[in-house]
Amino acid sequence: MVFRIFDHILANGIEAMFSFSILILQKNEAALLRLNFDACLDYLKTSLLDYYQIEDDGEQDEPQFRVDDFVRDASRVKITPFQLDNYAAEYEELRKAQTAHIIEMDNMRNENRTLKAQV
């Protein structure tokens, strides 16, 4: 499974890694939204690929997965460098706004302290 994923990433670039990530989140969206934080962490560690797991007949020591379906589904998720750049710019804007808000709150707290000291 790892070799197939690496082949896909090497053939299609870094965007392929994001397509695998988004696919896994899409397939597990309903389950993840139902869980609390601690249960979500356990789920992320153990059950992310359950959607692609082949039913265990008791003969195999390790779980088996439908790798072809997984890679095919991931290749259908289209992530372009342009989209990634847009997401990065949007994230930077959110961070700047958050930082500006934090600075404004700190300035107000300092001004409040100064005013209290004057009273």
PDB file of N, CA and C in Angstrom:
ATOM      1  N   MET A   1       0.819  -1.183   0.000  1.00  0.00           N
ATOM      2  CA  MET A   1       0.000   0.000   0.000  1.00  0.00           C
ATOM      3  C   MET A   1       0.873   1.261   0.000  1.00  0.00           C
ATOM      4  N   VAL A   2       1.907   1.249   0.812  1.00  0.00           N
ATOM      5  CA  VAL A   2       2.803   2.400   0.900  1.00  0.00           C
ATOM      6  C   VAL A   2       3.479   2.654  -0.446  1.00  0.00           C
ATOM      7  N   PHE A   3       3.905   1.594  -1.108  1.00  0.00           N
ATOM      8  CA  PHE A   3       4.560   1.760  -2.405  1.00  0.00           C
ATOM      9  C   PHE A   3       3.604   2.363  -3.431  1.00  0.00           C
ATOM     10  N   ARG A   4       2.362   1.938  -3.421  1.00  0.00           N
ATOM     11  CA  ARG A   4       1.386   2.489  -4.364  1.00  0.00           C
ATOM     12  C   ARG A   4       1.146   3.974  -4.097  1.00  0.00           C
ATOM     13  N   ILE A   5       1.068   4.330  -2.819  1.00  0.00           N
ATOM     14  CA  ILE A   5       0.864   5.737  -2.462  1.00  0.00           C
ATOM     15  C   ILE A   5       2.075   6.559  -2.888  1.00  0.00           C
ATOM     16  N   PHE A   6       3.283   6.062  -2.603  1.00  0.00           N
ATOM     17  CA  PHE A   6       4.489   6.786  -3.012  1.00  0.00           C
ATOM     18  C   PHE A   6       4.578   6.903  -4.530  1.00  0.00           C
ATOM     19  N   ASP A   7       4.226   5.843  -5.242  1.00  0.00           N
ATOM     20  CA  ASP A   7       4.226   5.912  -6.706  1.00  0.00           C
ATOM     21  C   ASP A   7       3.309   7.031  -7.190  1.00  0.00           C
ATOM     22  N   HIS A   8       2.129   7.093  -6.611  1.00  0.00           N
ATOM     23  CA  HIS A   8       1.163   8.122  -7.011  1.00  0.00           C
ATOM     24  C   HIS A   8       1.693   9.522  -6.693  1.00  0.00           C
ATOM     25  N   ILE A   9       2.305   9.686  -5.533  1.00  0.00           N
ATOM     26  CA  ILE A   9       2.852  10.990  -5.145  1.00  0.00           C
ATOM     27  C   ILE A   9       4.007  11.381  -6.058  1.00  0.00           C
ATOM     28  N   LEU A  10       4.906  10.438  -6.334  1.00  0.00           N
ATOM     29  CA  LEU A  10       6.033  10.740  -7.210  1.00  0.00           C
ATOM     30  C   LEU A  10       5.587  11.043  -8.637  1.00  0.00           C
ATOM     31  N   ALA A  11       4.532  10.380  -9.081  1.00  0.00           N
ATOM     32  CA  ALA A  11       4.053  10.606 -10.443  1.00  0.00           C
ATOM     33  C   ALA A  11       3.275  11.911 -10.579  1.00  0.00           C
ATOM     34  N   ASN A  12       2.568  12.309  -9.517  1.00  0.00           N
ATOM     35  CA  ASN A  12       1.660  13.452  -9.634  1.00  0.00           C
ATOM     36  C   ASN A  12       2.040  14.663  -8.798  1.00  0.00           C
ATOM     37  N   GLY A  13       3.115  14.579  -8.044  1.00  0.00           N
ATOM     38  CA  GLY A  13       3.567  15.728  -7.275  1.00  0.00           C
ATOM     39  C   GLY A  13       2.955  15.793  -5.890  1.00  0.00           C
ATOM     40  N   ILE A  14       3.326  16.852  -5.196  1.00  0.00           N
ATOM     41  CA  ILE A  14       2.922  17.032  -3.806  1.00  0.00           C
ATOM     42  C   ILE A  14       1.406  17.137  -3.663  1.00  0.00           C
ATOM     43  N   GLU A  15       0.722  17.593  -4.699  1.00  0.00           N
ATOM     44  CA  GLU A  15      -0.731  17.708  -4.641  1.00  0.00           C
ATOM     45  C   GLU A  15      -1.388  16.355  -4.387  1.00  0.00           C
ATOM     46  N   ALA A  16      -0.738  15.274  -4.817  1.00  0.00           N
ATOM     47  CA  ALA A  16      -1.284  13.937  -4.603  1.00  0.00           C
ATOM     48  C   ALA A  16      -1.366  13.615  -3.119  1.00  0.00           C
ATOM     49  N   MET A  17      -0.410  14.092  -2.341  1.00  0.00           N
ATOM     50  CA  MET A  17      -0.444  13.850  -0.899  1.00  0.00           C
ATOM     51  C   MET A  17      -1.681  14.516  -0.287  1.00  0.00           C
ATOM     52  N   PHE A  18      -1.981  15.724  -0.756  1.00  0.00           N
ATOM     53  CA  PHE A  18      -3.171  16.400  -0.274  1.00  0.00           C
ATOM     54  C   PHE A  18      -4.435  15.673  -0.715  1.00  0.00           C
ATOM     55  N   SER A  19      -4.418  15.115  -1.907  1.00  0.00           N
ATOM     56  CA  SER A  19      -5.609  14.392  -2.369  1.00  0.00           C
ATOM     57  C   SER A  19      -5.861  13.156  -1.506  1.00  0.00           C
ATOM     58  N   PHE A  20      -4.808  12.467  -1.080  1.00  0.00           N
ATOM     59  CA  PHE A  20      -4.988  11.329  -0.165  1.00  0.00           C
ATOM     60  C   PHE A  20      -5.546  11.814   1.169  1.00  0.00           C
ATOM     61  N   SER A  21      -5.012  12.904   1.673  1.00  0.00           N
ATOM     62  CA  SER A  21      -5.467  13.433   2.961  1.00  0.00           C
ATOM     63  C   SER A  21      -6.927  13.845   2.913  1.00  0.00           C
ATOM     64  N   ILE A  22      -7.297  14.557   1.860  1.00  0.00           N
ATOM     65  CA  ILE A  22      -8.679  15.017   1.727  1.00  0.00           C
ATOM     66  C   ILE A  22      -9.621  13.839   1.550  1.00  0.00           C
ATOM     67  N   LEU A  23      -9.215  12.853   0.770  1.00  0.00           N
ATOM     68  CA  LEU A  23     -10.044  11.664   0.576  1.00  0.00           C
ATOM     69  C   LEU A  23     -10.305  10.955   1.894  1.00  0.00           C
ATOM     70  N   ILE A  24      -9.261  10.768   2.695  1.00  0.00           N
ATOM     71  CA  ILE A  24      -9.417  10.089   3.979  1.00  0.00           C
ATOM     72  C   ILE A  24     -10.369  10.874   4.882  1.00  0.00           C
ATOM     73  N   LEU A  25     -10.223  12.186   4.899  1.00  0.00           N
ATOM     74  CA  LEU A  25     -11.123  13.003   5.718  1.00  0.00           C
ATOM     75  C   LEU A  25     -12.556  12.950   5.197  1.00  0.00           C
ATOM     76  N   GLN A  26     -12.735  12.943   3.878  1.00  0.00           N
ATOM     77  CA  GLN A  26     -14.083  12.860   3.318  1.00  0.00           C
ATOM     78  C   GLN A  26     -14.748  11.528   3.680  1.00  0.00           C
ATOM     79  N   LYS A  27     -14.014  10.446   3.566  1.00  0.00           N
ATOM     80  CA  LYS A  27     -14.582   9.123   3.848  1.00  0.00           C
ATOM     81  C   LYS A  27     -14.909   8.945   5.330  1.00  0.00           C
ATOM     82  N   ASN A  28     -14.238   9.699   6.200  1.00  0.00           N
ATOM     83  CA  ASN A  28     -14.438   9.557   7.643  1.00  0.00           C
ATOM     84  C   ASN A  28     -15.146  10.751   8.269  1.00  0.00           C
ATOM     85  N   GLU A  29     -15.663  11.654   7.452  1.00  0.00           N
ATOM     86  CA  GLU A  29     -16.254  12.892   7.954  1.00  0.00           C
ATOM     87  C   GLU A  29     -17.354  12.648   8.985  1.00  0.00           C
ATOM     88  N   ALA A  30     -18.301  11.784   8.664  1.00  0.00           N
ATOM     89  CA  ALA A  30     -19.434  11.558   9.571  1.00  0.00           C
ATOM     90  C   ALA A  30     -18.961  11.009  10.914  1.00  0.00           C
ATOM     91  N   ALA A  31     -18.060  10.056  10.879  1.00  0.00           N
ATOM     92  CA  ALA A  31     -17.560   9.470  12.129  1.00  0.00           C
ATOM     93  C   ALA A  31     -16.770  10.484  12.945  1.00  0.00           C
ATOM     94  N   LEU A  32     -15.938  11.273  12.289  1.00  0.00           N
ATOM     95  CA  LEU A  32     -15.119  12.256  13.002  1.00  0.00           C
ATOM     96  C   LEU A  32     -15.968  13.347  13.652  1.00  0.00           C
ATOM     97  N   LEU A  33     -17.032  13.752  12.981  1.00  0.00           N
ATOM     98  CA  LEU A  33     -17.878  14.806  13.529  1.00  0.00           C
ATOM     99  C   LEU A  33     -18.675  14.338  14.746  1.00  0.00           C
ATOM    100  N   ARG A  34     -18.907  13.044  14.852  1.00  0.00           N
ATOM    101  CA  ARG A  34     -19.658  12.509  15.998  1.00  0.00           C
ATOM    102  C   ARG A  34     -18.806  12.369  17.251  1.00  0.00           C
ATOM    103  N   LEU A  35     -17.492  12.313  17.101  1.00  0.00           N
ATOM    104  CA  LEU A  35     -16.609  11.984  18.219  1.00  0.00           C
ATOM    105  C   LEU A  35     -16.177  13.222  18.993  1.00  0.00           C
ATOM    106  N   ASN A  36     -15.909  13.017  20.291  1.00  0.00           N
ATOM    107  CA  ASN A  36     -15.290  14.092  21.069  1.00  0.00           C
ATOM    108  C   ASN A  36     -13.788  14.066  20.781  1.00  0.00           C
ATOM    109  N   PHE A  37     -13.060  15.009  21.358  1.00  0.00           N
ATOM    110  CA  PHE A  37     -11.653  15.189  21.006  1.00  0.00           C
ATOM    111  C   PHE A  37     -10.818  13.932  21.271  1.00  0.00           C
ATOM    112  N   ASP A  38     -10.938  13.359  22.465  1.00  0.00           N
ATOM    113  CA  ASP A  38     -10.124  12.182  22.804  1.00  0.00           C
ATOM    114  C   ASP A  38     -10.463  10.991  21.915  1.00  0.00           C
ATOM    115  N   ALA A  39     -11.745  10.769  21.691  1.00  0.00           N
ATOM    116  CA  ALA A  39     -12.154   9.668  20.827  1.00  0.00           C
ATOM    117  C   ALA A  39     -11.713   9.919  19.394  1.00  0.00           C
ATOM    118  N   CYS A  40     -11.710  11.184  18.991  1.00  0.00           N
ATOM    119  CA  CYS A  40     -11.273  11.546  17.647  1.00  0.00           C
ATOM    120  C   CYS A  40      -9.793  11.201  17.451  1.00  0.00           C
ATOM    121  N   LEU A  41      -8.988  11.497  18.458  1.00  0.00           N
ATOM    122  CA  LEU A  41      -7.561  11.161  18.367  1.00  0.00           C
ATOM    123  C   LEU A  41      -7.352   9.662  18.233  1.00  0.00           C
ATOM    124  N   ASP A  42      -8.077   8.877  19.016  1.00  0.00           N
ATOM    125  CA  ASP A  42      -7.974   7.421  18.911  1.00  0.00           C
ATOM    126  C   ASP A  42      -8.410   6.946  17.530  1.00  0.00           C
ATOM    127  N   TYR A  43      -9.489   7.525  17.023  1.00  0.00           N
ATOM    128  CA  TYR A  43      -9.987   7.156  15.703  1.00  0.00           C
ATOM    129  C   TYR A  43      -8.958   7.476  14.628  1.00  0.00           C
ATOM    130  N   LEU A  44      -8.331   8.647  14.730  1.00  0.00           N
ATOM    131  CA  LEU A  44      -7.313   9.027  13.750  1.00  0.00           C
ATOM    132  C   LEU A  44      -6.126   8.075  13.772  1.00  0.00           C
ATOM    133  N   LYS A  45      -5.808   7.535  14.939  1.00  0.00           N
ATOM    134  CA  LYS A  45      -4.680   6.612  15.056  1.00  0.00           C
ATOM    135  C   LYS A  45      -5.008   5.223  14.516  1.00  0.00           C
ATOM    136  N   THR A  46      -6.257   4.789  14.646  1.00  0.00           N
ATOM    137  CA  THR A  46      -6.555   3.380  14.403  1.00  0.00           C
ATOM    138  C   THR A  46      -7.517   3.078  13.266  1.00  0.00           C
ATOM    139  N   SER A  47      -8.404   3.983  12.926  1.00  0.00           N
ATOM    140  CA  SER A  47      -9.521   3.591  12.063  1.00  0.00           C
ATOM    141  C   SER A  47      -9.659   4.375  10.768  1.00  0.00           C
ATOM    142  N   LEU A  48      -8.695   5.174  10.402  1.00  0.00           N
ATOM    143  CA  LEU A  48      -8.842   6.021   9.222  1.00  0.00           C
ATOM    144  C   LEU A  48      -9.043   5.245   7.927  1.00  0.00           C
ATOM    145  N   LEU A  49      -8.425   4.110   7.810  1.00  0.00           N
ATOM    146  CA  LEU A  49      -8.505   3.356   6.558  1.00  0.00           C
ATOM    147  C   LEU A  49      -9.536   2.235   6.599  1.00  0.00           C
ATOM    148  N   ASP A  50     -10.390   2.225   7.605  1.00  0.00           N
ATOM    149  CA  ASP A  50     -11.403   1.172   7.718  1.00  0.00           C
ATOM    150  C   ASP A  50     -12.307   1.111   6.497  1.00  0.00           C
ATOM    151  N   TYR A  51     -12.561   2.237   5.865  1.00  0.00           N
ATOM    152  CA  TYR A  51     -13.414   2.277   4.672  1.00  0.00           C
ATOM    153  C   TYR A  51     -12.849   1.374   3.571  1.00  0.00           C
ATOM    154  N   TYR A  52     -11.553   1.290   3.479  1.00  0.00           N
ATOM    155  CA  TYR A  52     -10.906   0.505   2.422  1.00  0.00           C
ATOM    156  C   TYR A  52     -10.412  -0.860   2.898  1.00  0.00           C
ATOM    157  N   GLN A  53     -10.721  -1.221   4.112  1.00  0.00           N
ATOM    158  CA  GLN A  53     -10.259  -2.504   4.642  1.00  0.00           C
ATOM    159  C   GLN A  53     -11.130  -3.638   4.125  1.00  0.00           C
ATOM    160  N   ILE A  54     -10.479  -4.721   3.745  1.00  0.00           N
ATOM    161  CA  ILE A  54     -11.179  -5.924   3.288  1.00  0.00           C
ATOM    162  C   ILE A  54     -11.606  -6.687   4.531  1.00  0.00           C
ATOM    163  N   GLU A  55     -12.830  -7.205   4.506  1.00  0.00           N
ATOM    164  CA  GLU A  55     -13.333  -7.956   5.651  1.00  0.00           C
ATOM    165  C   GLU A  55     -12.372  -9.084   6.004  1.00  0.00           C
ATOM    166  N   ASP A  56     -12.078  -9.194   7.293  1.00  0.00           N
ATOM    167  CA  ASP A  56     -11.128 -10.188   7.796  1.00  0.00           C
ATOM    168  C   ASP A  56     -11.799 -11.547   7.872  1.00  0.00           C
ATOM    169  N   ASP A  57     -11.203 -12.545   7.220  1.00  0.00           N
ATOM    170  CA  ASP A  57     -11.749 -13.901   7.280  1.00  0.00           C
ATOM    171  C   ASP A  57     -11.035 -14.753   8.325  1.00  0.00           C
ATOM    172  N   GLY A  58     -10.145 -14.127   9.089  1.00  0.00           N
ATOM    173  CA  GLY A  58      -9.461 -14.829  10.166  1.00  0.00           C
ATOM    174  C   GLY A  58      -8.170 -15.505   9.750  1.00  0.00           C
ATOM    175  N   GLU A  59      -7.888 -15.575   8.453  1.00  0.00           N
ATOM    176  CA  GLU A  59      -6.679 -16.249   7.979  1.00  0.00           C
ATOM    177  C   GLU A  59      -5.475 -15.319   7.927  1.00  0.00           C
ATOM    178  N   GLN A  60      -5.699 -14.026   7.777  1.00  0.00           N
ATOM    179  CA  GLN A  60      -4.618 -13.070   7.640  1.00  0.00           C
ATOM    180  C   GLN A  60      -4.201 -12.527   9.003  1.00  0.00           C
ATOM    181  N   ASP A  61      -2.886 -12.374   9.195  1.00  0.00           N
ATOM    182  CA  ASP A  61      -2.383 -11.779  10.434  1.00  0.00           C
ATOM    183  C   ASP A  61      -2.560 -10.267  10.430  1.00  0.00           C
ATOM    184  N   GLU A  62      -2.352  -9.654   9.287  1.00  0.00           N
ATOM    185  CA  GLU A  62      -2.458  -8.201   9.178  1.00  0.00           C
ATOM    186  C   GLU A  62      -3.671  -7.850   8.321  1.00  0.00           C
ATOM    187  N   PRO A  63      -4.255  -6.688   8.569  1.00  0.00           N
ATOM    188  CA  PRO A  63      -5.422  -6.289   7.769  1.00  0.00           C
ATOM    189  C   PRO A  63      -5.045  -6.077   6.309  1.00  0.00           C
ATOM    190  N   GLN A  64      -5.975  -6.378   5.443  1.00  0.00           N
ATOM    191  CA  GLN A  64      -5.789  -6.197   4.012  1.00  0.00           C
ATOM    192  C   GLN A  64      -6.668  -5.034   3.555  1.00  0.00           C
ATOM    193  N   PHE A  65      -6.198  -4.287   2.551  1.00  0.00           N
ATOM    194  CA  PHE A  65      -6.913  -3.108   2.087  1.00  0.00           C
ATOM    195  C   PHE A  65      -7.121  -3.162   0.577  1.00  0.00           C
ATOM    196  N   ARG A  66      -8.166  -2.467   0.127  1.00  0.00           N
ATOM    197  CA  ARG A  66      -8.443  -2.316  -1.299  1.00  0.00           C
ATOM    198  C   ARG A  66      -7.615  -1.135  -1.808  1.00  0.00           C
ATOM    199  N   VAL A  67      -6.348  -1.395  -2.057  1.00  0.00           N
ATOM    200  CA  VAL A  67      -5.389  -0.346  -2.415  1.00  0.00           C
ATOM    201  C   VAL A  67      -5.751   0.294  -3.742  1.00  0.00           C
ATOM    202  N   ASP A  68      -6.148  -0.508  -4.722  1.00  0.00           N
ATOM    203  CA  ASP A  68      -6.490   0.051  -6.033  1.00  0.00           C
ATOM    204  C   ASP A  68      -7.628   1.059  -5.926  1.00  0.00           C
ATOM    205  N   ASP A  69      -8.646   0.728  -5.129  1.00  0.00           N
ATOM    206  CA  ASP A  69      -9.770   1.648  -4.941  1.00  0.00           C
ATOM    207  C   ASP A  69      -9.308   2.930  -4.243  1.00  0.00           C
ATOM    208  N   PHE A  70      -8.438   2.767  -3.267  1.00  0.00           N
ATOM    209  CA  PHE A  70      -7.941   3.915  -2.512  1.00  0.00           C
ATOM    210  C   PHE A  70      -7.174   4.872  -3.425  1.00  0.00           C
ATOM    211  N   VAL A  71      -6.264   4.350  -4.216  1.00  0.00           N
ATOM    212  CA  VAL A  71      -5.467   5.188  -5.120  1.00  0.00           C
ATOM    213  C   VAL A  71      -6.358   5.787  -6.211  1.00  0.00           C
ATOM    214  N   ARG A  72      -7.289   5.003  -6.739  1.00  0.00           N
ATOM    215  CA  ARG A  72      -8.198   5.509  -7.771  1.00  0.00           C
ATOM    216  C   ARG A  72      -9.052   6.653  -7.226  1.00  0.00           C
ATOM    217  N   ASP A  73      -9.609   6.467  -6.037  1.00  0.00           N
ATOM    218  CA  ASP A  73     -10.422   7.527  -5.436  1.00  0.00           C
ATOM    219  C   ASP A  73      -9.598   8.781  -5.155  1.00  0.00           C
ATOM    220  N   ALA A  74      -8.369   8.594  -4.695  1.00  0.00           N
ATOM    221  CA  ALA A  74      -7.496   9.744  -4.420  1.00  0.00           C
ATOM    222  C   ALA A  74      -7.143  10.480  -5.706  1.00  0.00           C
ATOM    223  N   SER A  75      -6.977   9.750  -6.793  1.00  0.00           N
ATOM    224  CA  SER A  75      -6.638  10.413  -8.057  1.00  0.00           C
ATOM    225  C   SER A  75      -7.814  11.215  -8.596  1.00  0.00           C
ATOM    226  N   ARG A  76      -9.014  10.914  -8.145  1.00  0.00           N
ATOM    227  CA  ARG A  76     -10.197  11.681  -8.571  1.00  0.00           C
ATOM    228  C   ARG A  76     -10.326  12.994  -7.802  1.00  0.00           C
ATOM    229  N   VAL A  77      -9.674  13.101  -6.656  1.00  0.00           N
ATOM    230  CA  VAL A  77      -9.699  14.350  -5.889  1.00  0.00           C
ATOM    231  C   VAL A  77      -8.661  15.267  -6.522  1.00  0.00           C
ATOM    232  N   LYS A  78      -9.122  16.340  -7.112  1.00  0.00           N
ATOM    233  CA  LYS A  78      -8.221  17.238  -7.835  1.00  0.00           C
ATOM    234  C   LYS A  78      -7.833  18.423  -6.964  1.00  0.00           C
ATOM    235  N   ILE A  79      -6.556  18.532  -6.702  1.00  0.00           N
ATOM    236  CA  ILE A  79      -5.984  19.660  -5.976  1.00  0.00           C
ATOM    237  C   ILE A  79      -4.928  20.266  -6.896  1.00  0.00           C
ATOM    238  N   THR A  80      -5.083  21.547  -7.212  1.00  0.00           N
ATOM    239  CA  THR A  80      -4.121  22.199  -8.089  1.00  0.00           C
ATOM    240  C   THR A  80      -3.200  23.100  -7.268  1.00  0.00           C
ATOM    241  N   PRO A  81      -2.029  23.402  -7.796  1.00  0.00           N
ATOM    242  CA  PRO A  81      -1.144  24.340  -7.106  1.00  0.00           C
ATOM    243  C   PRO A  81      -1.821  25.700  -6.881  1.00  0.00           C
ATOM    244  N   PHE A  82      -2.673  26.101  -7.811  1.00  0.00           N
ATOM    245  CA  PHE A  82      -3.397  27.363  -7.675  1.00  0.00           C
ATOM    246  C   PHE A  82      -4.308  27.320  -6.441  1.00  0.00           C
ATOM    247  N   GLN A  83      -5.009  26.195  -6.241  1.00  0.00           N
ATOM    248  CA  GLN A  83      -5.859  26.047  -5.057  1.00  0.00           C
ATOM    249  C   GLN A  83      -5.028  26.105  -3.782  1.00  0.00           C
ATOM    250  N   LEU A  84      -3.893  25.432  -3.790  1.00  0.00           N
ATOM    251  CA  LEU A  84      -3.032  25.436  -2.609  1.00  0.00           C
ATOM    252  C   LEU A  84      -2.537  26.840  -2.303  1.00  0.00           C
ATOM    253  N   ASP A  85      -2.182  27.595  -3.343  1.00  0.00           N
ATOM    254  CA  ASP A  85      -1.749  28.978  -3.137  1.00  0.00           C
ATOM    255  C   ASP A  85      -2.885  29.825  -2.565  1.00  0.00           C
ATOM    256  N   ASN A  86      -4.095  29.623  -3.068  1.00  0.00           N
ATOM    257  CA  ASN A  86      -5.248  30.362  -2.542  1.00  0.00           C
ATOM    258  C   ASN A  86      -5.499  30.024  -1.076  1.00  0.00           C
ATOM    259  N   TYR A  87      -5.418  28.742  -0.735  1.00  0.00           N
ATOM    260  CA  TYR A  87      -5.616  28.331   0.661  1.00  0.00           C
ATOM    261  C   TYR A  87      -4.526  28.925   1.562  1.00  0.00           C
ATOM    262  N   ALA A  88      -3.296  28.951   1.062  1.00  0.00           N
ATOM    263  CA  ALA A  88      -2.199  29.529   1.844  1.00  0.00           C
ATOM    264  C   ALA A  88      -2.419  31.023   2.068  1.00  0.00           C
ATOM    265  N   ALA A  89      -2.846  31.729   1.030  1.00  0.00           N
ATOM    266  CA  ALA A  89      -3.103  33.170   1.158  1.00  0.00           C
ATOM    267  C   ALA A  89      -4.260  33.427   2.123  1.00  0.00           C
ATOM    268  N   GLU A  90      -5.306  32.617   2.025  1.00  0.00           N
ATOM    269  CA  GLU A  90      -6.449  32.762   2.936  1.00  0.00           C
ATOM    270  C   GLU A  90      -6.036  32.506   4.380  1.00  0.00           C
ATOM    271  N   TYR A  91      -5.203  31.501   4.577  1.00  0.00           N
ATOM    272  CA  TYR A  91      -4.711  31.190   5.914  1.00  0.00           C
ATOM    273  C   TYR A  91      -3.870  32.344   6.464  1.00  0.00           C
ATOM    274  N   GLU A  92      -3.014  32.911   5.634  1.00  0.00           N
ATOM    275  CA  GLU A  92      -2.185  34.035   6.063  1.00  0.00           C
ATOM    276  C   GLU A  92      -3.033  35.237   6.453  1.00  0.00           C
ATOM    277  N   GLU A  93      -4.093  35.492   5.698  1.00  0.00           N
ATOM    278  CA  GLU A  93      -4.990  36.598   6.038  1.00  0.00           C
ATOM    279  C   GLU A  93      -5.661  36.353   7.390  1.00  0.00           C
ATOM    280  N   LEU A  94      -6.105  35.130   7.618  1.00  0.00           N
ATOM    281  CA  LEU A  94      -6.726  34.799   8.900  1.00  0.00           C
ATOM    282  C   LEU A  94      -5.735  34.963  10.051  1.00  0.00           C
ATOM    283  N   ARG A  95      -4.511  34.522   9.846  1.00  0.00           N
ATOM    284  CA  ARG A  95      -3.482  34.655  10.882  1.00  0.00           C
ATOM    285  C   ARG A  95      -3.166  36.124  11.167  1.00  0.00           C
ATOM    286  N   LYS A  96      -3.080  36.933  10.120  1.00  0.00           N
ATOM    287  CA  LYS A  96      -2.812  38.365  10.309  1.00  0.00           C
ATOM    288  C   LYS A  96      -3.946  39.020  11.084  1.00  0.00           C
ATOM    289  N   ALA A  97      -5.181  38.677  10.740  1.00  0.00           N
ATOM    290  CA  ALA A  97      -6.331  39.247  11.450  1.00  0.00           C
ATOM    291  C   ALA A  97      -6.325  38.816  12.908  1.00  0.00           C
ATOM    292  N   GLN A  98      -6.002  37.557  13.146  1.00  0.00           N
ATOM    293  CA  GLN A  98      -5.951  37.055  14.518  1.00  0.00           C
ATOM    294  C   GLN A  98      -4.835  37.750  15.301  1.00  0.00           C
ATOM    295  N   THR A  99      -3.687  37.893  14.684  1.00  0.00           N
ATOM    296  CA  THR A  99      -2.564  38.561  15.337  1.00  0.00           C
ATOM    297  C   THR A  99      -2.895  40.024  15.622  1.00  0.00           C
ATOM    298  N   ALA A 100      -3.536  40.686  14.668  1.00  0.00           N
ATOM    299  CA  ALA A 100      -3.927  42.089  14.882  1.00  0.00           C
ATOM    300  C   ALA A 100      -4.908  42.200  16.040  1.00  0.00           C
ATOM    301  N   HIS A 101      -5.824  41.265  16.130  1.00  0.00           N
ATOM    302  CA  HIS A 101      -6.789  41.274  17.235  1.00  0.00           C
ATOM    303  C   HIS A 101      -6.095  41.063  18.580  1.00  0.00           C
ATOM    304  N   ILE A 102      -5.152  40.154  18.627  1.00  0.00           N
ATOM    305  CA  ILE A 102      -4.409  39.888  19.861  1.00  0.00           C
ATOM    306  C   ILE A 102      -3.616  41.126  20.278  1.00  0.00           C
ATOM    307  N   ILE A 103      -2.967  41.768  19.324  1.00  0.00           N
ATOM    308  CA  ILE A 103      -2.195  42.986  19.623  1.00  0.00           C
ATOM    309  C   ILE A 103      -3.123  44.082  20.129  1.00  0.00           C
ATOM    310  N   GLU A 104      -4.271  44.235  19.486  1.00  0.00           N
ATOM    311  CA  GLU A 104      -5.239  45.234  19.919  1.00  0.00           C
ATOM    312  C   GLU A 104      -5.717  44.954  21.352  1.00  0.00           C
ATOM    313  N   MET A 105      -5.985  43.702  21.662  1.00  0.00           N
ATOM    314  CA  MET A 105      -6.424  43.341  23.019  1.00  0.00           C
ATOM    315  C   MET A 105      -5.316  43.624  24.037  1.00  0.00           C
ATOM    316  N   ASP A 106      -4.084  43.319  23.704  1.00  0.00           N
ATOM    317  CA  ASP A 106      -2.966  43.610  24.605  1.00  0.00           C
ATOM    318  C   ASP A 106      -2.824  45.116  24.838  1.00  0.00           C
ATOM    319  N   ASN A 107      -2.951  45.889  23.772  1.00  0.00           N
ATOM    320  CA  ASN A 107      -2.870  47.346  23.908  1.00  0.00           C
ATOM    321  C   ASN A 107      -3.991  47.876  24.797  1.00  0.00           C
ATOM    322  N   MET A 108      -5.180  47.327  24.635  1.00  0.00           N
ATOM    323  CA  MET A 108      -6.302  47.758  25.465  1.00  0.00           C
ATOM    324  C   MET A 108      -6.082  47.375  26.935  1.00  0.00           C
ATOM    325  N   ARG A 109      -5.539  46.190  27.173  1.00  0.00           N
ATOM    326  CA  ARG A 109      -5.244  45.777  28.552  1.00  0.00           C
ATOM    327  C   ARG A 109      -4.200  46.706  29.186  1.00  0.00           C
ATOM    328  N   ASN A 110      -3.168  47.018  28.414  1.00  0.00           N
ATOM    329  CA  ASN A 110      -2.129  47.934  28.927  1.00  0.00           C
ATOM    330  C   ASN A 110      -2.707  49.315  29.212  1.00  0.00           C
ATOM    331  N   GLU A 111      -3.523  49.796  28.317  1.00  0.00           N
ATOM    332  CA  GLU A 111      -4.153  51.104  28.529  1.00  0.00           C
ATOM    333  C   GLU A 111      -5.076  51.058  29.748  1.00  0.00           C
ATOM    334  N   ASN A 112      -5.798  49.953  29.903  1.00  0.00           N
ATOM    335  CA  ASN A 112      -6.674  49.783  31.063  1.00  0.00           C
ATOM    336  C   ASN A 112      -5.864  49.793  32.363  1.00  0.00           C
ATOM    337  N   ARG A 113      -4.719  49.110  32.377  1.00  0.00           N
ATOM    338  CA  ARG A 113      -3.847  49.102  33.556  1.00  0.00           C
ATOM    339  C   ARG A 113      -3.362  50.513  33.882  1.00  0.00           C
ATOM    340  N   THR A 114      -2.979  51.223  32.837  1.00  0.00           N
ATOM    341  CA  THR A 114      -2.502  52.597  33.021  1.00  0.00           C
ATOM    342  C   THR A 114      -3.601  53.489  33.608  1.00  0.00           C
ATOM    343  N   LEU A 115      -4.791  53.354  33.090  1.00  0.00           N
ATOM    344  CA  LEU A 115      -5.916  54.145  33.585  1.00  0.00           C
ATOM    345  C   LEU A 115      -6.265  53.772  35.033  1.00  0.00           C
ATOM    346  N   LYS A 116      -6.202  52.490  35.354  1.00  0.00           N
ATOM    347  CA  LYS A 116      -6.464  52.060  36.734  1.00  0.00           C
ATOM    348  C   LYS A 116      -5.409  52.622  37.672  1.00  0.00           C
ATOM    349  N   ALA A 117      -4.187  52.672  37.225  1.00  0.00           N
ATOM    350  CA  ALA A 117      -3.097  53.207  38.066  1.00  0.00           C
ATOM    351  C   ALA A 117      -3.289  54.705  38.304  1.00  0.00           C
ATOM    352  N   GLN A 118      -3.829  55.402  37.319  1.00  0.00           N
ATOM    353  CA  GLN A 118      -4.066  56.827  37.463  1.00  0.00           C
ATOM    354  C   GLN A 118      -5.213  57.118  38.422  1.00  0.00           C
ATOM    355  N   VAL A 119      -6.172  56.209  38.522  1.00  0.00           N
ATOM    356  CA  VAL A 119      -7.325  56.416  39.401  1.00  0.00           C
ATOM    357  C   VAL A 119      -6.897  56.097  40.780  1.00  0.00           C
TER     358      VAL A 119
END
